[in-house]
Amino acid sequence: MTVALMWEARAVPGRGADLLAWARAQELPRPPLRRETFRAPRDRVLVVTWWDADAEAELPELPEPDGELVTRAVHRWRFESLGTEGFGRSGD
């Protein structure tokens, strides 16, 4: 089974680049199957990691950044993959 962990934080205004750099520098105790980092408007950073594990498995997660870097506590979600649909690039 594949499980995805989603980690999302919102930086203090103007510190989005700092939060992005911080998130990218975080190493996990073991590597996931895949790790992808996103940025969004309003200085948000999102990191999704995929794991070959059960939905209830204990998995490494990114920590909370320094309180002076974010405007609120990190949001975390866990998802169970139900498969992949569509292949190739959108618009092809």
Protein backbone atom coordinates (compact mmCIF):
# COMPACT_ATOMS: atom_id res chain seq x y z
CA MET A 1 0.00 0.00 0.00
CA THR A 2 1.22 3.52 -0.71
CA VAL A 3 0.64 6.26 1.83
CA ALA A 4 1.23 9.96 1.19
CA LEU A 5 2.05 12.40 3.96
CA MET A 6 1.30 16.05 3.31
CA TRP A 7 3.01 18.83 5.28
CA GLU A 8 1.92 22.44 4.76
CA ALA A 9 3.15 25.63 6.41
CA ARG A 10 2.57 29.34 5.88
CA ALA A 11 5.54 31.65 6.28
CA VAL A 12 5.57 35.01 7.93
CA PRO A 13 4.91 37.54 5.12
CA GLY A 14 8.03 38.01 3.03
CA ARG A 15 9.74 34.87 4.41
CA GLY A 16 8.41 32.36 1.86
CA ALA A 17 11.85 31.81 0.33
CA ASP A 18 13.31 31.17 3.79
CA LEU A 19 10.59 28.64 4.62
CA LEU A 20 11.08 26.92 1.26
CA ALA A 21 14.84 26.68 1.83
CA TRP A 22 14.26 25.37 5.37
CA ALA A 23 11.82 22.68 4.16
CA ARG A 24 14.16 21.54 1.38
CA ALA A 25 17.06 21.26 3.84
CA GLN A 26 15.14 18.92 6.19
CA GLU A 27 16.39 15.36 5.96
CA LEU A 28 14.22 12.46 7.05
CA PRO A 29 15.70 9.51 8.99
CA ARG A 30 14.98 7.29 5.98
CA PRO A 31 14.14 8.18 2.40
CA PRO A 32 10.55 8.05 1.12
CA LEU A 33 9.63 6.48 -2.22
CA ARG A 34 9.15 10.03 -3.51
CA ARG A 35 9.28 13.55 -2.11
CA GLU A 36 7.88 16.60 -3.84
CA THR A 37 7.97 20.23 -2.71
CA PHE A 38 5.52 22.94 -3.81
CA ARG A 39 5.05 26.64 -3.15
CA ALA A 40 1.80 28.56 -3.29
CA PRO A 41 0.59 32.15 -3.00
CA ARG A 42 0.74 33.86 0.38
CA ASP A 43 4.13 32.30 1.21
CA ARG A 44 2.87 28.73 1.61
CA VAL A 45 5.11 25.67 1.29
CA LEU A 46 3.82 22.13 0.81
CA VAL A 47 5.85 18.92 1.00
CA VAL A 48 4.35 15.56 0.01
CA THR A 49 6.17 12.30 0.71
CA TRP A 50 5.10 8.86 -0.51
CA TRP A 51 5.78 5.67 1.48
CA ASP A 52 5.34 1.96 0.94
CA ALA A 53 3.50 1.41 4.23
CA ASP A 54 0.14 0.84 5.86
CA ALA A 55 -2.01 3.89 6.59
CA GLU A 56 -1.40 3.49 10.34
CA ALA A 57 2.37 2.96 10.07
CA GLU A 58 4.71 5.17 12.05
CA LEU A 59 6.48 7.29 9.42
CA PRO A 60 9.03 10.10 9.60
CA GLU A 61 7.60 13.58 9.10
CA LEU A 62 9.09 17.02 8.68
CA PRO A 63 9.25 18.89 11.99
CA GLU A 64 7.71 22.22 12.94
CA PRO A 65 9.86 25.15 11.75
CA ASP A 66 10.98 27.87 14.12
CA GLY A 67 7.98 29.90 15.31
CA GLU A 68 9.49 33.11 13.93
CA LEU A 69 9.39 31.63 10.41
CA VAL A 70 5.71 30.60 10.27
CA THR A 71 2.40 32.30 11.02
CA ARG A 72 0.67 29.21 12.45
CA ALA A 73 1.23 25.57 13.33
CA VAL A 74 2.03 23.24 10.46
CA HIS A 75 -0.91 21.37 8.93
CA ARG A 76 -0.42 17.66 8.31
CA TRP A 77 -2.56 15.13 6.45
CA ARG A 78 -2.14 11.45 5.66
CA PHE A 79 -3.63 9.87 2.55
CA GLU A 80 -3.91 6.32 1.24
CA SER A 81 -3.31 6.00 -2.49
CA LEU A 82 -6.21 4.62 -4.50
CA GLY A 83 -4.21 4.35 -7.72
CA THR A 84 -3.08 6.60 -10.54
CA GLU A 85 -5.22 7.90 -13.37
CA GLY A 86 -4.15 9.68 -16.51
CA PHE A 87 -0.69 9.58 -17.94
CA GLY A 88 1.44 12.14 -19.72
CA ARG A 89 1.33 15.89 -19.48
CA SER A 90 -1.90 17.81 -19.20
CA GLY A 91 -2.91 19.46 -22.43
CA ASP A 92 -1.33 16.75 -24.60
